Amino acid sequence: LIEPTKFLGGLTTGGLGATDIGNKKAIGGIS
C-alpha cells in the first residue's frame, strides 16, 4: 500500500466523521 502522505484513510480519518451514505443496508463487507 503506497500512500503519498504520512497518514492513512483519506477523508475518513481527515475530518469526515459524519458518515454520508443514505440507506446503511447497502454497506457490507470490510466497510
Full PDB file with SEQRES, HELIX, SHEET, SSBOND, CRYST1, ORIGX, SCALE, CONECT and MASTER records, all heavy atoms in Angstrom:
SEQRES   1 A   31  LEU ILE GLU PRO THR LYS PHE LEU GLY GLY LEU THR THR          
SEQRES   2 A   31  GLY GLY LEU GLY ALA THR ASP ILE GLY ASN LYS LYS ALA          
SEQRES   3 A   31  ILE GLY GLY ILE SER                                          
HELIX    1 AA1 LYS A   24  ALA A   26  5                                   3    
CRYST1    1.000    1.000    1.000  90.00  90.00  90.00 P 1           1          
ORIGX1      1.000000  0.000000  0.000000        0.00000                         
ORIGX2      0.000000  1.000000  0.000000        0.00000                         
ORIGX3      0.000000  0.000000  1.000000        0.00000                         
SCALE1      1.000000  0.000000  0.000000        0.00000                         
SCALE2      0.000000  1.000000  0.000000        0.00000                         
SCALE3      0.000000  0.000000  1.000000        0.00000                         
ATOM      1  N   LEU A   1       0.863  -1.178   0.000  1.00  0.00           N  
ATOM      2  CA  LEU A   1       0.000   0.000   0.000  1.00  0.00           C  
ATOM      3  C   LEU A   1       0.900   1.228   0.000  1.00  0.00           C  
ATOM      4  O   LEU A   1       1.660   1.448   0.942  1.00  0.00           O  
ATOM      5  CB  LEU A   1      -0.908  -0.001   1.228  1.00  0.00           C  
ATOM      6  CG  LEU A   1      -1.865   1.178   1.393  1.00  0.00           C  
ATOM      7  CD1 LEU A   1      -2.792   1.317   0.191  1.00  0.00           C  
ATOM      8  CD2 LEU A   1      -2.679   1.026   2.681  1.00  0.00           C  
ATOM      9  N   ILE A   2       0.827   2.025  -1.064  1.00  0.00           N  
ATOM     10  CA  ILE A   2       1.671   3.206  -1.221  1.00  0.00           C  
ATOM     11  C   ILE A   2       0.818   4.449  -0.999  1.00  0.00           C  
ATOM     12  O   ILE A   2      -0.182   4.658  -1.695  1.00  0.00           O  
ATOM     13  CB  ILE A   2       2.296   3.262  -2.626  1.00  0.00           C  
ATOM     14  CG1 ILE A   2       3.038   1.948  -2.936  1.00  0.00           C  
ATOM     15  CG2 ILE A   2       3.238   4.451  -2.755  1.00  0.00           C  
ATOM     16  CD1 ILE A   2       3.425   1.808  -4.399  1.00  0.00           C  
ATOM     17  N   GLU A   3       1.188   5.255  -0.021  1.00  0.00           N  
ATOM     18  CA  GLU A   3       0.413   6.450   0.324  1.00  0.00           C  
ATOM     19  C   GLU A   3       1.306   7.690   0.252  1.00  0.00           C  
ATOM     20  O   GLU A   3       2.312   7.780   0.967  1.00  0.00           O  
ATOM     21  CB  GLU A   3      -0.185   6.319   1.722  1.00  0.00           C  
ATOM     22  CG  GLU A   3      -0.758   7.593   2.322  1.00  0.00           C  
ATOM     23  CD  GLU A   3      -1.728   8.330   1.400  1.00  0.00           C  
ATOM     24  OE1 GLU A   3      -2.546   7.661   0.726  1.00  0.00           O  
ATOM     25  OE2 GLU A   3      -1.664   9.565   1.337  1.00  0.00           O  
ATOM     26  N   PRO A   4       0.976   8.646  -0.623  1.00  0.00           N  
ATOM     27  CA  PRO A   4       1.833   9.828  -0.789  1.00  0.00           C  
ATOM     28  C   PRO A   4       1.989  10.694   0.455  1.00  0.00           C  
ATOM     29  O   PRO A   4       2.980  11.408   0.581  1.00  0.00           O  
ATOM     30  CB  PRO A   4       1.118  10.611  -1.900  1.00  0.00           C  
ATOM     31  CG  PRO A   4       0.356   9.568  -2.670  1.00  0.00           C  
ATOM     32  CD  PRO A   4      -0.101   8.589  -1.625  1.00  0.00           C  
ATOM     33  N   THR A   5       1.021  10.657   1.378  1.00  0.00           N  
ATOM     34  CA  THR A   5       1.122  11.473   2.587  1.00  0.00           C  
ATOM     35  C   THR A   5       1.698  10.630   3.725  1.00  0.00           C  
ATOM     36  O   THR A   5       2.270   9.573   3.506  1.00  0.00           O  
ATOM     37  CB  THR A   5      -0.259  12.023   2.988  1.00  0.00           C  
ATOM     38  OG1 THR A   5      -1.076  10.956   3.474  1.00  0.00           O  
ATOM     39  CG2 THR A   5      -0.938  12.695   1.809  1.00  0.00           C  
ATOM     40  N   LYS A   6       1.524  11.109   4.942  1.00  0.00           N  
ATOM     41  CA  LYS A   6       2.029  10.407   6.120  1.00  0.00           C  
ATOM     42  C   LYS A   6       0.927   9.718   6.909  1.00  0.00           C  
ATOM     43  O   LYS A   6       1.155   9.275   8.035  1.00  0.00           O  
ATOM     44  CB  LYS A   6       2.763  11.396   7.034  1.00  0.00           C  
ATOM     45  CG  LYS A   6       3.982  12.046   6.393  1.00  0.00           C  
ATOM     46  CD  LYS A   6       5.084  11.050   6.096  1.00  0.00           C  
ATOM     47  CE  LYS A   6       6.337  11.750   5.568  1.00  0.00           C  
ATOM     48  NZ  LYS A   6       7.403  10.778   5.241  1.00  0.00           N  
ATOM     49  N   PHE A   7      -0.294   9.661   6.346  1.00  0.00           N  
ATOM     50  CA  PHE A   7      -1.385   9.048   7.108  1.00  0.00           C  
ATOM     51  C   PHE A   7      -2.316   8.278   6.184  1.00  0.00           C  
ATOM     52  O   PHE A   7      -2.382   8.545   4.979  1.00  0.00           O  
ATOM     53  CB  PHE A   7      -2.176  10.113   7.874  1.00  0.00           C  
ATOM     54  CG  PHE A   7      -2.969  11.049   7.005  1.00  0.00           C  
ATOM     55  CD1 PHE A   7      -4.311  10.814   6.750  1.00  0.00           C  
ATOM     56  CD2 PHE A   7      -2.373  12.176   6.441  1.00  0.00           C  
ATOM     57  CE1 PHE A   7      -5.050  11.674   5.940  1.00  0.00           C  
ATOM     58  CE2 PHE A   7      -3.102  13.047   5.638  1.00  0.00           C  
ATOM     59  CZ  PHE A   7      -4.444  12.786   5.387  1.00  0.00           C  
ATOM     60  N   LEU A   8      -3.029   7.324   6.753  1.00  0.00           N  
ATOM     61  CA  LEU A   8      -3.979   6.501   6.017  1.00  0.00           C  
ATOM     62  C   LEU A   8      -5.413   7.013   6.215  1.00  0.00           C  
ATOM     63  O   LEU A   8      -5.716   7.662   7.203  1.00  0.00           O  
ATOM     64  CB  LEU A   8      -3.909   5.054   6.488  1.00  0.00           C  
ATOM     65  CG  LEU A   8      -2.604   4.293   6.239  1.00  0.00           C  
ATOM     66  CD1 LEU A   8      -2.674   2.900   6.854  1.00  0.00           C  
ATOM     67  CD2 LEU A   8      -2.291   4.209   4.750  1.00  0.00           C  
ATOM     68  N   GLY A   9      -6.267   6.675   5.284  1.00  0.00           N  
ATOM     69  CA  GLY A   9      -7.694   6.869   5.481  1.00  0.00           C  
ATOM     70  C   GLY A   9      -8.333   8.005   4.740  1.00  0.00           C  
ATOM     71  O   GLY A   9      -9.559   8.121   4.732  1.00  0.00           O  
ATOM     72  N   GLY A  10      -7.541   8.912   4.143  1.00  0.00           N  
ATOM     73  CA  GLY A  10      -8.134   9.997   3.386  1.00  0.00           C  
ATOM     74  C   GLY A  10      -9.109  10.819   4.202  1.00  0.00           C  
ATOM     75  O   GLY A  10      -8.825  11.242   5.322  1.00  0.00           O  
ATOM     76  N   LEU A  11     -10.315  11.025   3.654  1.00  0.00           N  
ATOM     77  CA  LEU A  11     -11.331  11.841   4.333  1.00  0.00           C  
ATOM     78  C   LEU A  11     -11.859  11.157   5.584  1.00  0.00           C  
ATOM     79  O   LEU A  11     -12.260  11.826   6.544  1.00  0.00           O  
ATOM     80  CB  LEU A  11     -12.494  12.123   3.384  1.00  0.00           C  
ATOM     81  CG  LEU A  11     -12.529  13.507   2.724  1.00  0.00           C  
ATOM     82  CD1 LEU A  11     -12.695  14.591   3.756  1.00  0.00           C  
ATOM     83  CD2 LEU A  11     -11.289  13.745   1.880  1.00  0.00           C  
ATOM     84  N   THR A  12     -11.897   9.823   5.611  1.00  0.00           N  
ATOM     85  CA  THR A  12     -12.452   9.120   6.766  1.00  0.00           C  
ATOM     86  C   THR A  12     -11.662   9.428   8.027  1.00  0.00           C  
ATOM     87  O   THR A  12     -12.233   9.528   9.124  1.00  0.00           O  
ATOM     88  CB  THR A  12     -12.486   7.607   6.509  1.00  0.00           C  
ATOM     89  OG1 THR A  12     -13.362   7.356   5.397  1.00  0.00           O  
ATOM     90  CG2 THR A  12     -13.007   6.845   7.711  1.00  0.00           C  
ATOM     91  N   THR A  13     -10.361   9.600   7.903  1.00  0.00           N  
ATOM     92  CA  THR A  13      -9.540   9.985   9.050  1.00  0.00           C  
ATOM     93  C   THR A  13      -9.222  11.478   9.037  1.00  0.00           C  
ATOM     94  O   THR A  13      -8.567  11.969   9.941  1.00  0.00           O  
ATOM     95  CB  THR A  13      -8.216   9.201   9.060  1.00  0.00           C  
ATOM     96  OG1 THR A  13      -7.489   9.483   7.856  1.00  0.00           O  
ATOM     97  CG2 THR A  13      -8.473   7.705   9.153  1.00  0.00           C  
ATOM     98  N   GLY A  14      -9.700  12.181   8.010  1.00  0.00           N  
ATOM     99  CA  GLY A  14      -9.348  13.581   7.831  1.00  0.00           C  
ATOM    100  C   GLY A  14     -10.438  14.558   8.211  1.00  0.00           C  
ATOM    101  O   GLY A  14     -10.397  15.714   7.786  1.00  0.00           O  
ATOM    102  N   GLY A  15     -11.422  14.118   8.997  1.00  0.00           N  
ATOM    103  CA  GLY A  15     -12.439  15.037   9.488  1.00  0.00           C  
ATOM    104  C   GLY A  15     -13.864  14.659   9.154  1.00  0.00           C  
ATOM    105  O   GLY A  15     -14.800  15.171   9.770  1.00  0.00           O  
ATOM    106  N   LEU A  16     -14.052  13.764   8.166  1.00  0.00           N  
ATOM    107  CA  LEU A  16     -15.410  13.397   7.770  1.00  0.00           C  
ATOM    108  C   LEU A  16     -15.883  12.259   8.676  1.00  0.00           C  
ATOM    109  O   LEU A  16     -15.844  11.083   8.307  1.00  0.00           O  
ATOM    110  CB  LEU A  16     -15.457  12.977   6.295  1.00  0.00           C  
ATOM    111  CG  LEU A  16     -16.798  13.112   5.586  1.00  0.00           C  
ATOM    112  CD1 LEU A  16     -16.627  12.975   4.075  1.00  0.00           C  
ATOM    113  CD2 LEU A  16     -17.831  12.116   6.068  1.00  0.00           C  
ATOM    114  N   GLY A  17     -16.344  12.630   9.862  1.00  0.00           N  
ATOM    115  CA  GLY A  17     -16.830  11.642  10.824  1.00  0.00           C  
ATOM    116  C   GLY A  17     -18.325  11.447  10.784  1.00  0.00           C  
ATOM    117  O   GLY A  17     -18.842  10.502  11.377  1.00  0.00           O  
ATOM    118  N   ALA A  18     -19.047  12.332  10.078  1.00  0.00           N  
ATOM    119  CA  ALA A  18     -20.495  12.192   9.920  1.00  0.00           C  
ATOM    120  C   ALA A  18     -20.742  11.429   8.631  1.00  0.00           C  
ATOM    121  O   ALA A  18     -20.868  12.011   7.561  1.00  0.00           O  
ATOM    122  CB  ALA A  18     -21.163  13.561   9.870  1.00  0.00           C  
ATOM    123  N   THR A  19     -20.774  10.123   8.729  1.00  0.00           N  
ATOM    124  CA  THR A  19     -20.790   9.262   7.551  1.00  0.00           C  
ATOM    125  C   THR A  19     -21.994   9.541   6.665  1.00  0.00           C  
ATOM    126  O   THR A  19     -23.139   9.469   7.105  1.00  0.00           O  
ATOM    127  CB  THR A  19     -20.798   7.781   7.971  1.00  0.00           C  
ATOM    128  OG1 THR A  19     -19.672   7.547   8.827  1.00  0.00           O  
ATOM    129  CG2 THR A  19     -20.722   6.879   6.761  1.00  0.00           C  
ATOM    130  N   ASP A  20     -21.720   9.849   5.402  1.00  0.00           N  
ATOM    131  CA  ASP A  20     -22.774  10.057   4.412  1.00  0.00           C  
ATOM    132  C   ASP A  20     -22.984   8.763   3.644  1.00  0.00           C  
ATOM    133  O   ASP A  20     -22.056   8.247   3.019  1.00  0.00           O  
ATOM    134  CB  ASP A  20     -22.368  11.162   3.425  1.00  0.00           C  
ATOM    135  CG  ASP A  20     -22.287  12.527   4.077  1.00  0.00           C  
ATOM    136  OD1 ASP A  20     -23.101  12.793   4.971  1.00  0.00           O  
ATOM    137  OD2 ASP A  20     -21.417  13.315   3.681  1.00  0.00           O  
ATOM    138  N   ILE A  21     -24.197   8.241   3.667  1.00  0.00           N  
ATOM    139  CA  ILE A  21     -24.467   7.030   2.909  1.00  0.00           C  
ATOM    140  C   ILE A  21     -25.910   6.917   2.475  1.00  0.00           C  
ATOM    141  O   ILE A  21     -26.240   6.423   1.423  1.00  0.00           O  
ATOM    142  CB  ILE A  21     -24.041   5.753   3.681  1.00  0.00           C  
ATOM    143  CG1 ILE A  21     -24.298   4.505   2.819  1.00  0.00           C  
ATOM    144  CG2 ILE A  21     -24.705   5.650   5.029  1.00  0.00           C  
ATOM    145  CD1 ILE A  21     -23.675   4.547   1.453  1.00  0.00           C  
ATOM    146  N   GLY A  22     -26.862   7.390   3.251  1.00  0.00           N  
ATOM    147  CA  GLY A  22     -28.260   7.127   2.924  1.00  0.00           C  
ATOM    148  C   GLY A  22     -28.684   5.835   3.597  1.00  0.00           C  
ATOM    149  O   GLY A  22     -28.579   5.696   4.814  1.00  0.00           O  
ATOM    150  N   ASN A  23     -29.141   4.876   2.830  1.00  0.00           N  
ATOM    151  CA  ASN A  23     -29.595   3.596   3.363  1.00  0.00           C  
ATOM    152  C   ASN A  23     -28.394   2.726   3.734  1.00  0.00           C  
ATOM    153  O   ASN A  23     -27.685   2.220   2.867  1.00  0.00           O  
ATOM    154  CB  ASN A  23     -30.468   2.890   2.322  1.00  0.00           C  
ATOM    155  CG  ASN A  23     -31.185   1.673   2.892  1.00  0.00           C  
ATOM    156  OD1 ASN A  23     -30.682   1.001   3.794  1.00  0.00           O  
ATOM    157  ND2 ASN A  23     -32.357   1.383   2.357  1.00  0.00           N  
ATOM    158  N   LYS A  24     -28.155   2.542   5.034  1.00  0.00           N  
ATOM    159  CA  LYS A  24     -26.974   1.807   5.501  1.00  0.00           C  
ATOM    160  C   LYS A  24     -27.026   0.321   5.158  1.00  0.00           C  
ATOM    161  O   LYS A  24     -26.015  -0.374   5.223  1.00  0.00           O  
ATOM    162  CB  LYS A  24     -26.797   2.012   7.010  1.00  0.00           C  
ATOM    163  CG  LYS A  24     -26.515   3.457   7.400  1.00  0.00           C  
ATOM    164  CD  LYS A  24     -26.368   3.625   8.898  1.00  0.00           C  
ATOM    165  CE  LYS A  24     -25.993   5.045   9.274  1.00  0.00           C  
ATOM    166  NZ  LYS A  24     -27.026   6.025   8.928  1.00  0.00           N  
ATOM    167  N   LYS A  25     -28.190  -0.159   4.783  1.00  0.00           N  
ATOM    168  CA  LYS A  25     -28.320  -1.559   4.374  1.00  0.00           C  
ATOM    169  C   LYS A  25     -27.465  -1.857   3.151  1.00  0.00           C  
ATOM    170  O   LYS A  25     -27.111  -3.012   2.895  1.00  0.00           O  
ATOM    171  CB  LYS A  25     -29.794  -1.869   4.091  1.00  0.00           C  
ATOM    172  CG  LYS A  25     -30.089  -3.317   3.752  1.00  0.00           C  
ATOM    173  CD  LYS A  25     -31.574  -3.525   3.483  1.00  0.00           C  
ATOM    174  CE  LYS A  25     -31.865  -4.955   3.032  1.00  0.00           C  
ATOM    175  NZ  LYS A  25     -33.306  -5.142   2.702  1.00  0.00           N  
ATOM    176  N   ALA A  26     -27.101  -0.831   2.400  1.00  0.00           N  
ATOM    177  CA  ALA A  26     -26.317  -1.005   1.183  1.00  0.00           C  
ATOM    178  C   ALA A  26     -24.847  -1.305   1.467  1.00  0.00           C  
ATOM    179  O   ALA A  26     -24.102  -1.672   0.555  1.00  0.00           O  
ATOM    180  CB  ALA A  26     -26.419   0.239   0.306  1.00  0.00           C  
ATOM    181  N   ILE A  27     -24.416  -1.166   2.708  1.00  0.00           N  
ATOM    182  CA  ILE A  27     -22.996  -1.286   3.053  1.00  0.00           C  
ATOM    183  C   ILE A  27     -22.726  -2.619   3.737  1.00  0.00           C  
ATOM    184  O   ILE A  27     -23.346  -2.946   4.748  1.00  0.00           O  
ATOM    185  CB  ILE A  27     -22.551  -0.130   3.960  1.00  0.00           C  
ATOM    186  CG1 ILE A  27     -22.829   1.211   3.276  1.00  0.00           C  
ATOM    187  CG2 ILE A  27     -21.078  -0.265   4.328  1.00  0.00           C  
ATOM    188  CD1 ILE A  27     -22.158   1.366   1.926  1.00  0.00           C  
ATOM    189  N   GLY A  28     -21.787  -3.383   3.180  1.00  0.00           N  
ATOM    190  CA  GLY A  28     -21.420  -4.671   3.760  1.00  0.00           C  
ATOM    191  C   GLY A  28     -19.919  -4.861   3.764  1.00  0.00           C  
ATOM    192  O   GLY A  28     -19.140  -3.921   3.566  1.00  0.00           O  
ATOM    193  N   GLY A  29     -19.493  -6.112   3.991  1.00  0.00           N  
ATOM    194  CA  GLY A  29     -18.086  -6.472   3.910  1.00  0.00           C  
ATOM    195  C   GLY A  29     -17.198  -5.733   4.878  1.00  0.00           C  
ATOM    196  O   GLY A  29     -17.578  -5.422   6.014  1.00  0.00           O  
ATOM    197  N   ILE A  30     -15.976  -5.455   4.432  1.00  0.00           N  
ATOM    198  CA  ILE A  30     -14.984  -4.770   5.262  1.00  0.00           C  
ATOM    199  C   ILE A  30     -15.478  -3.381   5.660  1.00  0.00           C  
ATOM    200  O   ILE A  30     -15.202  -2.902   6.762  1.00  0.00           O  
ATOM    201  CB  ILE A  30     -13.636  -4.685   4.519  1.00  0.00           C  
ATOM    202  CG1 ILE A  30     -13.020  -6.085   4.382  1.00  0.00           C  
ATOM    203  CG2 ILE A  30     -12.661  -3.765   5.243  1.00  0.00           C  
ATOM    204  CD1 ILE A  30     -11.750  -6.120   3.548  1.00  0.00           C  
ATOM    205  N   SER A  31     -16.204  -2.727   4.767  1.00  0.00           N  
ATOM    206  CA  SER A  31     -16.723  -1.398   5.077  1.00  0.00           C  
ATOM    207  C   SER A  31     -17.609  -1.429   6.320  1.00  0.00           C  
ATOM    208  O   SER A  31     -17.429  -0.628   7.246  1.00  0.00           O  
ATOM    209  CB  SER A  31     -17.517  -0.851   3.882  1.00  0.00           C  
ATOM    210  OG  SER A  31     -17.950   0.468   4.109  1.00  0.00           O  
TER     211      SER A  31                                                      
MASTER        0    0    0    1    0    0    0    6  210    1    0    3          
END                                                                             
